[in-house]
């Protein structure tokens, strides 16, 4: 992205990460708006074409990142067929909801909640209560599964959900592991197939 707009890479990266929280709560309506802001801060005379190219690079990256985990589609399909309501709470920028329709998740998730569209992110208790409200369920009836990023498991527990940690890559070091994942003492699973036994048990 930095190369596309002829930006000094360290400066661009610093600003990209510095604006992450703003992206996640919808301060920037689009990826393009975020890039334009960075251009203004760095006083870069980027052209419309260059900014468009940088935006497309980000969208392509997000598209690859939205590839389902192993067994994700199969597990969600079984849960949906069994009449379980499926919600999604995602801390993200606008590229994720824009691209969701291209993924299998769009037909499997009953209620997606995107932080950038509701103006709040995990572990804010309101975002968990919002997905429950829109699904028509009580928090106490919900199993919340996550990798521990954004202290999401702590937030889910605080509203009465039943949080479960899904472990990340085995090679992930303690330094890069989300805080909730490092400190979590509650239920854990290693693969999504385990969800079926968890909720039926």
N, C-alpha and C. Protein backbone atom coordinates (compact mmCIF):
# COMPACT_ATOMS: atom_id res chain seq x y z
N UNK A 1 0.83 -1.20 0.00
CA UNK A 1 0.00 0.00 0.00
C UNK A 1 0.87 1.26 0.00
N UNK A 2 1.92 1.25 0.81
CA UNK A 2 2.82 2.40 0.86
C UNK A 2 3.47 2.64 -0.50
N UNK A 3 3.89 1.58 -1.14
CA UNK A 3 4.53 1.71 -2.45
C UNK A 3 3.56 2.30 -3.47
N UNK A 4 2.30 1.90 -3.39
CA UNK A 4 1.30 2.36 -4.36
C UNK A 4 1.11 3.87 -4.32
N UNK A 5 1.27 4.46 -3.14
CA UNK A 5 1.08 5.91 -3.03
C UNK A 5 2.41 6.65 -2.85
N UNK A 6 3.51 5.92 -3.08
CA UNK A 6 4.87 6.50 -2.98
C UNK A 6 5.12 7.10 -1.59
N UNK A 7 4.70 6.37 -0.56
CA UNK A 7 4.89 6.84 0.81
C UNK A 7 6.11 6.15 1.42
N UNK A 8 6.84 6.83 2.30
CA UNK A 8 7.91 6.17 3.05
C UNK A 8 7.29 5.03 3.88
N UNK A 9 7.75 3.82 3.67
CA UNK A 9 7.10 2.65 4.28
C UNK A 9 6.99 2.75 5.81
N UNK A 10 8.07 3.09 6.54
CA UNK A 10 7.94 3.16 8.00
C UNK A 10 6.89 4.18 8.45
N UNK A 11 6.84 5.31 7.78
CA UNK A 11 5.86 6.35 8.15
C UNK A 11 4.44 5.87 7.88
N UNK A 12 4.25 5.21 6.73
CA UNK A 12 2.91 4.72 6.39
C UNK A 12 2.47 3.67 7.39
N UNK A 13 3.36 2.71 7.69
CA UNK A 13 3.01 1.63 8.62
C UNK A 13 2.66 2.19 9.99
N UNK A 14 3.46 3.14 10.45
CA UNK A 14 3.18 3.75 11.75
C UNK A 14 1.79 4.38 11.79
N UNK A 15 1.44 5.12 10.75
CA UNK A 15 0.13 5.76 10.72
C UNK A 15 -1.00 4.77 10.51
N UNK A 16 -0.74 3.73 9.73
CA UNK A 16 -1.78 2.71 9.49
C UNK A 16 -2.17 2.04 10.81
N UNK A 17 -1.17 1.69 11.60
CA UNK A 17 -1.47 1.04 12.88
C UNK A 17 -1.98 2.05 13.90
N UNK A 18 -1.53 3.28 13.81
CA UNK A 18 -2.01 4.31 14.73
C UNK A 18 -3.49 4.63 14.53
N UNK A 19 -3.99 4.39 13.33
CA UNK A 19 -5.40 4.67 13.04
C UNK A 19 -6.28 3.41 13.11
N UNK A 20 -5.73 2.32 13.62
CA UNK A 20 -6.48 1.06 13.66
C UNK A 20 -7.75 1.17 14.49
N UNK A 21 -7.65 1.79 15.66
CA UNK A 21 -8.83 1.92 16.51
C UNK A 21 -9.90 2.79 15.86
N UNK A 22 -9.46 3.82 15.16
CA UNK A 22 -10.42 4.69 14.47
C UNK A 22 -11.11 3.93 13.33
N UNK A 23 -10.35 3.10 12.60
CA UNK A 23 -10.97 2.27 11.55
C UNK A 23 -12.02 1.34 12.15
N UNK A 24 -11.69 0.78 13.31
CA UNK A 24 -12.55 -0.24 13.92
C UNK A 24 -13.86 0.31 14.44
N UNK A 25 -13.94 1.61 14.68
CA UNK A 25 -15.21 2.16 15.17
C UNK A 25 -15.88 3.06 14.13
N UNK A 26 -15.41 2.97 12.88
CA UNK A 26 -16.09 3.64 11.78
C UNK A 26 -15.72 5.08 11.56
N UNK A 27 -14.61 5.52 12.14
CA UNK A 27 -14.20 6.91 11.91
C UNK A 27 -13.92 7.16 10.43
N UNK A 28 -13.36 6.14 9.77
CA UNK A 28 -13.13 6.20 8.33
C UNK A 28 -14.20 5.35 7.65
N UNK A 29 -14.99 5.95 6.82
CA UNK A 29 -16.10 5.24 6.19
C UNK A 29 -15.64 4.15 5.26
N UNK A 30 -14.46 4.32 4.67
CA UNK A 30 -13.92 3.34 3.73
C UNK A 30 -12.41 3.22 3.95
N UNK A 31 -11.84 2.17 3.40
CA UNK A 31 -10.39 2.02 3.40
C UNK A 31 -9.76 3.19 2.66
N UNK A 32 -10.40 3.56 1.58
CA UNK A 32 -9.89 4.69 0.78
C UNK A 32 -9.79 5.97 1.62
N UNK A 33 -10.79 6.23 2.46
CA UNK A 33 -10.77 7.42 3.29
C UNK A 33 -9.61 7.39 4.27
N UNK A 34 -9.30 6.22 4.78
CA UNK A 34 -8.17 6.08 5.70
C UNK A 34 -6.85 6.37 4.98
N UNK A 35 -6.73 5.85 3.77
CA UNK A 35 -5.51 6.08 3.00
C UNK A 35 -5.38 7.56 2.64
N UNK A 36 -6.48 8.18 2.28
CA UNK A 36 -6.47 9.61 1.96
C UNK A 36 -6.02 10.42 3.17
N UNK A 37 -6.48 10.04 4.35
CA UNK A 37 -6.08 10.74 5.57
C UNK A 37 -4.57 10.63 5.77
N UNK A 38 -4.03 9.43 5.58
CA UNK A 38 -2.60 9.23 5.75
C UNK A 38 -1.82 10.07 4.74
N UNK A 39 -2.32 10.15 3.52
CA UNK A 39 -1.69 10.99 2.51
C UNK A 39 -1.66 12.46 2.95
N UNK A 40 -2.75 12.90 3.55
CA UNK A 40 -2.81 14.29 4.03
C UNK A 40 -1.79 14.53 5.14
N UNK A 41 -1.72 13.60 6.08
CA UNK A 41 -0.78 13.74 7.21
C UNK A 41 0.66 13.77 6.71
N UNK A 42 0.96 12.89 5.74
CA UNK A 42 2.33 12.80 5.22
C UNK A 42 2.58 13.81 4.10
N UNK A 43 1.55 14.59 3.77
CA UNK A 43 1.65 15.59 2.70
C UNK A 43 2.12 14.97 1.38
N UNK A 44 1.45 13.88 1.03
CA UNK A 44 1.77 13.17 -0.21
C UNK A 44 0.79 13.58 -1.31
N UNK A 45 1.27 13.94 -2.47
CA UNK A 45 0.38 14.32 -3.57
C UNK A 45 -0.09 13.09 -4.37
N UNK A 46 -0.65 12.11 -3.66
CA UNK A 46 -1.06 10.88 -4.34
C UNK A 46 -2.23 11.15 -5.28
N UNK A 47 -2.22 10.48 -6.42
CA UNK A 47 -3.30 10.65 -7.39
C UNK A 47 -4.48 9.73 -7.03
N UNK A 48 -5.60 9.99 -7.67
CA UNK A 48 -6.78 9.15 -7.48
C UNK A 48 -6.46 7.70 -7.83
N UNK A 49 -5.73 7.50 -8.92
CA UNK A 49 -5.37 6.15 -9.36
C UNK A 49 -4.48 5.45 -8.33
N UNK A 50 -3.53 6.18 -7.75
CA UNK A 50 -2.63 5.58 -6.77
C UNK A 50 -3.38 5.18 -5.51
N UNK A 51 -4.30 6.04 -5.08
CA UNK A 51 -5.09 5.72 -3.89
C UNK A 51 -6.02 4.53 -4.16
N UNK A 52 -6.57 4.47 -5.35
CA UNK A 52 -7.41 3.34 -5.73
C UNK A 52 -6.61 2.05 -5.71
N UNK A 53 -5.39 2.09 -6.24
CA UNK A 53 -4.53 0.91 -6.23
C UNK A 53 -4.23 0.46 -4.81
N UNK A 54 -3.90 1.41 -3.93
CA UNK A 54 -3.62 1.07 -2.54
C UNK A 54 -4.85 0.45 -1.87
N UNK A 55 -6.02 1.00 -2.15
CA UNK A 55 -7.27 0.46 -1.59
C UNK A 55 -7.50 -0.97 -2.05
N UNK A 56 -7.25 -1.23 -3.32
CA UNK A 56 -7.43 -2.58 -3.88
C UNK A 56 -6.46 -3.58 -3.25
N UNK A 57 -5.26 -3.12 -2.96
CA UNK A 57 -4.27 -3.99 -2.30
C UNK A 57 -4.79 -4.41 -0.93
N UNK A 58 -5.34 -3.46 -0.20
CA UNK A 58 -5.89 -3.78 1.12
C UNK A 58 -7.08 -4.74 1.01
N UNK A 59 -7.96 -4.50 0.06
CA UNK A 59 -9.12 -5.38 -0.12
C UNK A 59 -8.69 -6.79 -0.49
N UNK A 60 -7.67 -6.91 -1.33
CA UNK A 60 -7.18 -8.24 -1.70
C UNK A 60 -6.60 -8.95 -0.49
N UNK A 61 -5.89 -8.21 0.35
CA UNK A 61 -5.33 -8.79 1.57
C UNK A 61 -6.45 -9.30 2.48
N UNK A 62 -7.48 -8.48 2.67
CA UNK A 62 -8.59 -8.87 3.53
C UNK A 62 -9.34 -10.06 2.94
N UNK A 63 -9.49 -10.08 1.63
CA UNK A 63 -10.16 -11.20 0.97
C UNK A 63 -9.45 -12.52 1.29
N UNK A 64 -8.13 -12.51 1.24
CA UNK A 64 -7.36 -13.72 1.57
C UNK A 64 -7.50 -14.07 3.05
N UNK A 65 -7.55 -13.04 3.90
CA UNK A 65 -7.65 -13.27 5.34
C UNK A 65 -9.00 -13.86 5.74
N UNK A 66 -10.02 -13.67 4.92
CA UNK A 66 -11.35 -14.18 5.23
C UNK A 66 -11.55 -15.64 4.81
N UNK A 67 -10.49 -16.29 4.42
CA UNK A 67 -10.56 -17.72 4.10
C UNK A 67 -10.93 -18.49 5.36
N UNK A 68 -11.95 -19.34 5.33
CA UNK A 68 -12.40 -20.03 6.55
C UNK A 68 -11.33 -20.95 7.14
N UNK A 69 -11.34 -21.06 8.45
CA UNK A 69 -10.52 -22.07 9.13
C UNK A 69 -10.96 -23.46 8.66
N UNK A 70 -10.09 -24.46 8.84
CA UNK A 70 -10.52 -25.84 8.54
C UNK A 70 -11.78 -26.20 9.33
N UNK A 71 -12.73 -26.78 8.65
CA UNK A 71 -14.00 -27.27 9.23
C UNK A 71 -14.96 -26.17 9.63
N UNK A 72 -14.62 -24.90 9.37
CA UNK A 72 -15.51 -23.81 9.77
C UNK A 72 -16.86 -23.90 9.06
N UNK A 73 -16.82 -24.05 7.74
CA UNK A 73 -18.06 -24.08 6.97
C UNK A 73 -18.90 -25.29 7.34
N UNK A 74 -18.25 -26.44 7.46
CA UNK A 74 -18.99 -27.66 7.80
C UNK A 74 -19.63 -27.54 9.19
N UNK A 75 -18.89 -27.02 10.15
CA UNK A 75 -19.41 -26.90 11.51
C UNK A 75 -20.57 -25.91 11.58
N UNK A 76 -20.41 -24.75 10.96
CA UNK A 76 -21.48 -23.77 10.96
C UNK A 76 -22.72 -24.28 10.22
N UNK A 77 -22.51 -25.04 9.16
CA UNK A 77 -23.63 -25.61 8.42
C UNK A 77 -24.42 -26.58 9.30
N UNK A 78 -23.71 -27.41 10.05
CA UNK A 78 -24.38 -28.36 10.94
C UNK A 78 -25.14 -27.64 12.05
N UNK A 79 -24.55 -26.59 12.58
CA UNK A 79 -25.22 -25.82 13.62
C UNK A 79 -26.47 -25.13 13.08
N UNK A 80 -26.35 -24.58 11.90
CA UNK A 80 -27.52 -23.91 11.29
C UNK A 80 -28.62 -24.93 10.99
N UNK A 81 -28.25 -26.08 10.47
CA UNK A 81 -29.24 -27.12 10.17
C UNK A 81 -29.93 -27.62 11.44
N UNK A 82 -29.21 -27.52 12.57
CA UNK A 82 -29.79 -27.95 13.85
C UNK A 82 -30.56 -26.81 14.53
N UNK A 83 -30.77 -25.71 13.80
CA UNK A 83 -31.58 -24.58 14.26
C UNK A 83 -30.93 -23.76 15.39
N UNK A 84 -29.61 -23.82 15.47
CA UNK A 84 -28.93 -22.90 16.37
C UNK A 84 -28.80 -21.55 15.68
N UNK A 85 -28.96 -20.49 16.45
CA UNK A 85 -28.76 -19.15 15.91
C UNK A 85 -27.27 -18.80 15.97
N UNK A 86 -26.76 -18.26 14.89
CA UNK A 86 -25.33 -18.00 14.79
C UNK A 86 -25.10 -16.50 14.62
N UNK A 87 -24.34 -15.94 15.54
CA UNK A 87 -23.99 -14.54 15.48
C UNK A 87 -22.50 -14.36 15.25
N UNK A 88 -22.13 -13.20 14.80
CA UNK A 88 -20.73 -12.85 14.59
C UNK A 88 -20.48 -11.48 15.19
N UNK A 89 -19.44 -11.35 16.00
CA UNK A 89 -19.02 -10.05 16.53
C UNK A 89 -17.59 -9.84 16.06
N UNK A 90 -17.39 -8.85 15.20
CA UNK A 90 -16.08 -8.64 14.59
C UNK A 90 -15.59 -7.22 14.79
N UNK A 91 -14.38 -7.09 15.34
CA UNK A 91 -13.68 -5.80 15.34
C UNK A 91 -13.02 -5.66 13.98
N UNK A 92 -13.46 -4.71 13.18
CA UNK A 92 -12.95 -4.65 11.80
C UNK A 92 -13.17 -3.27 11.21
N UNK A 93 -12.56 -3.06 10.06
CA UNK A 93 -12.82 -1.86 9.27
C UNK A 93 -13.78 -2.23 8.15
N UNK A 94 -14.12 -1.26 7.32
CA UNK A 94 -15.20 -1.43 6.35
C UNK A 94 -14.92 -2.52 5.32
N UNK A 95 -13.65 -2.89 5.11
CA UNK A 95 -13.35 -3.90 4.11
C UNK A 95 -13.98 -5.25 4.43
N UNK A 96 -14.13 -5.57 5.72
CA UNK A 96 -14.69 -6.88 6.08
C UNK A 96 -16.17 -6.99 5.72
N UNK A 97 -17.05 -6.07 6.19
CA UNK A 97 -18.45 -6.20 5.77
C UNK A 97 -18.66 -6.07 4.26
N UNK A 98 -17.81 -5.29 3.60
CA UNK A 98 -17.94 -5.15 2.15
C UNK A 98 -17.69 -6.48 1.44
N UNK A 99 -16.76 -7.27 1.98
CA UNK A 99 -16.36 -8.51 1.33
C UNK A 99 -17.07 -9.75 1.85
N UNK A 100 -17.82 -9.61 2.93
CA UNK A 100 -18.42 -10.81 3.55
C UNK A 100 -19.27 -11.61 2.58
N UNK A 101 -19.97 -10.91 1.68
CA UNK A 101 -20.86 -11.61 0.75
C UNK A 101 -20.10 -12.55 -0.18
N UNK A 102 -18.79 -12.37 -0.31
CA UNK A 102 -17.99 -13.24 -1.16
C UNK A 102 -17.60 -14.53 -0.46
N UNK A 103 -17.87 -14.63 0.83
CA UNK A 103 -17.44 -15.79 1.62
C UNK A 103 -18.63 -16.70 1.94
N UNK A 104 -18.35 -17.94 2.33
CA UNK A 104 -19.44 -18.84 2.75
C UNK A 104 -20.14 -18.36 4.01
N UNK A 105 -19.48 -17.49 4.80
CA UNK A 105 -20.08 -17.03 6.05
C UNK A 105 -21.37 -16.26 5.84
N UNK A 106 -21.51 -15.62 4.69
CA UNK A 106 -22.68 -14.78 4.46
C UNK A 106 -23.98 -15.57 4.52
N UNK A 107 -23.94 -16.85 4.17
CA UNK A 107 -25.16 -17.65 4.20
C UNK A 107 -25.30 -18.46 5.49
N UNK A 108 -24.27 -18.41 6.34
CA UNK A 108 -24.27 -19.24 7.54
C UNK A 108 -24.46 -18.45 8.82
N UNK A 109 -24.16 -17.16 8.79
CA UNK A 109 -24.28 -16.32 9.99
C UNK A 109 -25.59 -15.56 9.93
N UNK A 110 -26.41 -15.77 10.96
CA UNK A 110 -27.71 -15.10 10.98
C UNK A 110 -27.57 -13.60 11.27
N UNK A 111 -26.64 -13.25 12.16
CA UNK A 111 -26.53 -11.86 12.57
C UNK A 111 -25.07 -11.44 12.72
N UNK A 112 -24.49 -10.82 11.70
CA UNK A 112 -23.14 -10.29 11.84
C UNK A 112 -23.18 -8.88 12.44
N UNK A 113 -22.31 -8.65 13.41
CA UNK A 113 -22.16 -7.32 14.01
C UNK A 113 -20.73 -6.86 13.75
N UNK A 114 -20.59 -5.75 13.03
CA UNK A 114 -19.27 -5.22 12.70
C UNK A 114 -19.02 -3.96 13.51
N UNK A 115 -17.89 -3.93 14.19
CA UNK A 115 -17.59 -2.80 15.08
C UNK A 115 -17.62 -1.46 14.36
N UNK A 116 -17.11 -1.44 13.13
CA UNK A 116 -17.05 -0.16 12.42
C UNK A 116 -18.43 0.39 12.08
N UNK A 117 -19.42 -0.50 12.02
CA UNK A 117 -20.77 -0.05 11.67
C UNK A 117 -21.64 0.27 12.88
N UNK A 118 -21.24 -0.25 14.05
CA UNK A 118 -22.03 0.04 15.25
C UNK A 118 -21.30 1.01 16.19
N UNK A 119 -20.07 1.38 15.84
CA UNK A 119 -19.35 2.40 16.60
C UNK A 119 -18.82 1.96 17.95
N UNK A 120 -18.63 0.68 18.14
CA UNK A 120 -18.05 0.17 19.39
C UNK A 120 -17.37 -1.16 19.10
N UNK A 121 -16.42 -1.52 19.94
CA UNK A 121 -15.70 -2.76 19.69
C UNK A 121 -15.49 -3.53 20.99
N UNK A 122 -15.09 -4.76 20.83
CA UNK A 122 -14.83 -5.62 21.98
C UNK A 122 -13.68 -5.04 22.81
N UNK A 123 -13.74 -5.15 24.14
CA UNK A 123 -14.70 -5.91 24.96
C UNK A 123 -15.86 -5.08 25.51
N UNK A 124 -16.26 -4.02 24.84
CA UNK A 124 -17.40 -3.21 25.25
C UNK A 124 -18.63 -4.12 25.39
N UNK A 125 -19.21 -4.14 26.57
CA UNK A 125 -20.32 -5.06 26.82
C UNK A 125 -21.49 -4.83 25.87
N UNK A 126 -21.65 -3.60 25.42
CA UNK A 126 -22.80 -3.28 24.57
C UNK A 126 -22.78 -4.04 23.25
N UNK A 127 -21.60 -4.38 22.73
CA UNK A 127 -21.56 -5.05 21.44
C UNK A 127 -22.03 -6.50 21.55
N UNK A 128 -21.78 -7.12 22.71
CA UNK A 128 -22.26 -8.48 22.94
C UNK A 128 -23.78 -8.47 23.16
N UNK A 129 -24.22 -7.49 23.92
CA UNK A 129 -25.66 -7.40 24.17
C UNK A 129 -26.43 -7.08 22.89
N UNK A 130 -25.79 -6.34 21.99
CA UNK A 130 -26.44 -6.00 20.72
C UNK A 130 -26.66 -7.24 19.86
N UNK A 131 -25.66 -8.10 19.77
CA UNK A 131 -25.84 -9.31 18.95
C UNK A 131 -26.90 -10.21 19.57
N UNK A 132 -26.95 -10.27 20.91
CA UNK A 132 -27.99 -11.06 21.57
C UNK A 132 -29.38 -10.50 21.28
N UNK A 133 -29.48 -9.18 21.38
CA UNK A 133 -30.78 -8.53 21.11
C UNK A 133 -31.25 -8.82 19.70
N UNK A 134 -30.34 -8.71 18.74
CA UNK A 134 -30.74 -8.90 17.34
C UNK A 134 -31.00 -10.37 17.00
N UNK A 135 -30.38 -11.27 17.76
CA UNK A 135 -30.67 -12.69 17.56
C UNK A 135 -31.92 -13.13 18.32
N UNK A 136 -32.32 -12.31 19.30
CA UNK A 136 -33.48 -12.66 20.12
C UNK A 136 -33.17 -13.72 21.14
N UNK A 137 -31.98 -13.65 21.73
CA UNK A 137 -31.57 -14.63 22.74
C UNK A 137 -30.98 -13.91 23.95
N UNK A 138 -30.96 -14.60 25.08
CA UNK A 138 -30.34 -14.07 26.29
C UNK A 138 -28.85 -14.41 26.29
N UNK A 139 -28.01 -13.54 26.83
CA UNK A 139 -26.57 -13.84 26.87
C UNK A 139 -26.26 -15.18 27.54
N UNK A 140 -27.03 -15.52 28.57
CA UNK A 140 -26.77 -16.77 29.30
C UNK A 140 -26.99 -18.00 28.44
N UNK A 141 -27.68 -17.84 27.32
CA UNK A 141 -27.94 -18.97 26.42
C UNK A 141 -26.92 -19.05 25.30
N UNK A 142 -25.89 -18.18 25.34
CA UNK A 142 -24.93 -18.10 24.24
C UNK A 142 -23.58 -18.70 24.59
N UNK A 143 -23.04 -19.46 23.66
CA UNK A 143 -21.64 -19.88 23.72
C UNK A 143 -20.88 -18.93 22.81
N UNK A 144 -19.86 -18.30 23.35
CA UNK A 144 -19.04 -17.36 22.58
C UNK A 144 -17.67 -17.99 22.34
N UNK A 145 -17.30 -18.10 21.08
CA UNK A 145 -16.03 -18.73 20.73
C UNK A 145 -15.12 -17.71 20.06
N UNK A 146 -13.89 -17.59 20.56
CA UNK A 146 -12.95 -16.65 19.98
C UNK A 146 -11.52 -17.01 20.34
N UNK A 147 -10.58 -16.36 19.65
CA UNK A 147 -9.17 -16.64 19.90
C UNK A 147 -8.57 -15.76 20.98
N UNK A 148 -9.39 -14.91 21.61
CA UNK A 148 -8.93 -14.12 22.73
C UNK A 148 -8.47 -12.72 22.38
N UNK A 149 -8.51 -12.36 21.10
CA UNK A 149 -8.11 -11.01 20.72
C UNK A 149 -9.06 -9.96 21.29
N UNK A 150 -8.54 -8.78 21.54
CA UNK A 150 -9.35 -7.65 22.04
C UNK A 150 -10.01 -7.95 23.38
N UNK A 151 -9.46 -8.89 24.13
CA UNK A 151 -10.06 -9.32 25.40
C UNK A 151 -11.53 -9.70 25.22
N UNK A 152 -11.81 -10.34 24.11
CA UNK A 152 -13.19 -10.68 23.77
C UNK A 152 -13.81 -11.70 24.71
N UNK A 153 -13.02 -12.63 25.22
CA UNK A 153 -13.57 -13.64 26.11
C UNK A 153 -13.96 -13.03 27.45
N UNK A 154 -13.13 -12.13 27.94
CA UNK A 154 -13.45 -11.41 29.17
C UNK A 154 -14.75 -10.63 29.01
N UNK A 155 -14.88 -9.93 27.88
CA UNK A 155 -16.08 -9.16 27.63
C UNK A 155 -17.32 -10.03 27.56
N UNK A 156 -17.19 -11.18 26.89
CA UNK A 156 -18.33 -12.10 26.77
C UNK A 156 -18.75 -12.64 28.14
N UNK A 157 -17.76 -12.97 28.96
CA UNK A 157 -18.07 -13.49 30.30
C UNK A 157 -18.78 -12.44 31.15
N UNK A 158 -18.39 -11.19 30.99
CA UNK A 158 -18.98 -10.12 31.81
C UNK A 158 -20.46 -9.90 31.55
N UNK A 159 -20.94 -10.28 30.36
CA UNK A 159 -22.37 -10.12 30.08
C UNK A 159 -23.14 -11.41 30.32
N UNK A 160 -22.45 -12.46 30.75
CA UNK A 160 -23.13 -13.71 31.07
C UNK A 160 -23.05 -14.79 30.03
N UNK A 161 -22.34 -14.53 28.92
CA UNK A 161 -22.15 -15.58 27.92
C UNK A 161 -21.22 -16.67 28.46
N UNK A 162 -21.13 -17.76 27.71
CA UNK A 162 -20.23 -18.86 28.07
C UNK A 162 -19.06 -18.85 27.08
N UNK A 163 -17.96 -18.16 27.43
CA UNK A 163 -16.86 -18.03 26.47
C UNK A 163 -15.98 -19.27 26.41
N UNK A 164 -15.50 -19.55 25.20
CA UNK A 164 -14.61 -20.68 24.95
C UNK A 164 -13.46 -20.19 24.08
N UNK A 165 -12.25 -20.51 24.49
CA UNK A 165 -11.08 -20.12 23.71
C UNK A 165 -10.81 -21.16 22.64
N UNK A 166 -10.70 -20.71 21.39
CA UNK A 166 -10.20 -21.60 20.34
C UNK A 166 -8.74 -21.25 20.15
N UNK A 167 -7.90 -22.23 20.35
CA UNK A 167 -6.46 -21.97 20.32
C UNK A 167 -6.01 -21.62 18.91
N UNK A 168 -5.01 -20.73 18.84
CA UNK A 168 -4.45 -20.33 17.55
C UNK A 168 -3.39 -21.30 17.10
N UNK A 169 -2.46 -20.80 16.32
CA UNK A 169 -1.39 -21.65 15.80
C UNK A 169 -0.55 -22.18 16.95
N UNK A 170 -0.16 -23.45 16.85
CA UNK A 170 0.63 -24.07 17.91
C UNK A 170 1.98 -23.38 18.08
N UNK A 171 2.50 -22.84 16.97
CA UNK A 171 3.81 -22.20 17.04
C UNK A 171 3.74 -20.77 17.54
N UNK A 172 2.55 -20.28 17.84
CA UNK A 172 2.40 -18.90 18.27
C UNK A 172 3.08 -18.70 19.61
N UNK A 173 3.91 -17.67 19.73
CA UNK A 173 4.65 -17.43 20.97
C UNK A 173 3.79 -16.65 21.95
N UNK A 174 4.20 -16.68 23.21
CA UNK A 174 3.46 -15.96 24.24
C UNK A 174 3.46 -14.46 23.97
N UNK A 175 4.50 -13.98 23.30
CA UNK A 175 4.59 -12.55 23.01
C UNK A 175 3.55 -12.08 22.01
N UNK A 176 3.20 -12.95 21.06
CA UNK A 176 2.24 -12.57 20.03
C UNK A 176 0.82 -13.06 20.32
N UNK A 177 0.68 -13.88 21.32
CA UNK A 177 -0.63 -14.44 21.67
C UNK A 177 -1.51 -13.36 22.30
N UNK A 178 -2.80 -13.29 21.94
CA UNK A 178 -3.69 -12.33 22.59
C UNK A 178 -3.70 -12.49 24.11
N UNK A 179 -3.92 -11.38 24.81
CA UNK A 179 -3.87 -11.40 26.28
C UNK A 179 -4.84 -12.42 26.86
N UNK A 180 -6.07 -12.42 26.37
CA UNK A 180 -7.05 -13.37 26.89
C UNK A 180 -6.59 -14.81 26.68
N UNK A 181 -5.92 -15.08 25.57
CA UNK A 181 -5.46 -16.44 25.29
C UNK A 181 -4.36 -16.85 26.26
N UNK A 182 -3.50 -15.91 26.61
CA UNK A 182 -2.41 -16.22 27.55
C UNK A 182 -2.94 -16.48 28.95
N UNK A 183 -3.96 -15.74 29.34
CA UNK A 183 -4.43 -15.77 30.72
C UNK A 183 -5.67 -16.64 30.93
N UNK A 184 -6.24 -17.15 29.86
CA UNK A 184 -7.54 -17.81 29.94
C UNK A 184 -7.48 -19.12 30.72
N UNK A 185 -8.38 -19.27 31.69
CA UNK A 185 -8.45 -20.48 32.51
C UNK A 185 -9.74 -21.25 32.27
N UNK A 186 -10.57 -20.74 31.36
CA UNK A 186 -11.85 -21.38 31.09
C UNK A 186 -11.74 -22.47 30.03
N UNK A 187 -12.89 -22.89 29.47
CA UNK A 187 -12.91 -23.96 28.47
C UNK A 187 -12.11 -23.59 27.22
N UNK A 188 -11.46 -24.58 26.63
CA UNK A 188 -10.66 -24.38 25.42
C UNK A 188 -10.97 -25.47 24.41
N UNK A 189 -10.86 -25.13 23.14
CA UNK A 189 -10.93 -26.11 22.07
C UNK A 189 -9.77 -25.85 21.11
N UNK A 190 -9.43 -26.88 20.35
CA UNK A 190 -8.33 -26.74 19.39
C UNK A 190 -8.81 -26.69 17.96
N UNK A 191 -10.05 -27.12 17.72
CA UNK A 191 -10.60 -27.11 16.37
C UNK A 191 -12.11 -26.84 16.45
N UNK A 192 -12.66 -26.34 15.37
CA UNK A 192 -14.07 -25.98 15.38
C UNK A 192 -15.00 -27.19 15.47
N UNK A 193 -14.52 -28.35 15.03
CA UNK A 193 -15.37 -29.54 15.16
C UNK A 193 -15.77 -29.80 16.62
N UNK A 194 -14.91 -29.39 17.54
CA UNK A 194 -15.19 -29.62 18.95
C UNK A 194 -16.39 -28.83 19.47
N UNK A 195 -16.78 -27.81 18.71
CA UNK A 195 -17.94 -27.00 19.13
C UNK A 195 -19.18 -27.86 19.21
N UNK A 196 -19.35 -28.78 18.28
CA UNK A 196 -20.56 -29.61 18.24
C UNK A 196 -20.73 -30.42 19.52
N UNK A 197 -19.64 -31.05 19.97
CA UNK A 197 -19.70 -31.82 21.19
C UNK A 197 -19.89 -30.91 22.40
N UNK A 198 -19.29 -29.73 22.32
CA UNK A 198 -19.35 -28.78 23.44
C UNK A 198 -20.79 -28.34 23.71
N UNK A 199 -21.51 -27.98 22.66
CA UNK A 199 -22.87 -27.45 22.89
C UNK A 199 -23.89 -28.57 23.11
N UNK A 200 -23.58 -29.75 22.63
CA UNK A 200 -24.51 -30.87 22.83
C UNK A 200 -24.29 -31.54 24.16
N UNK A 201 -23.08 -31.33 24.71
CA UNK A 201 -22.76 -31.99 25.97
C UNK A 201 -23.35 -31.27 27.16
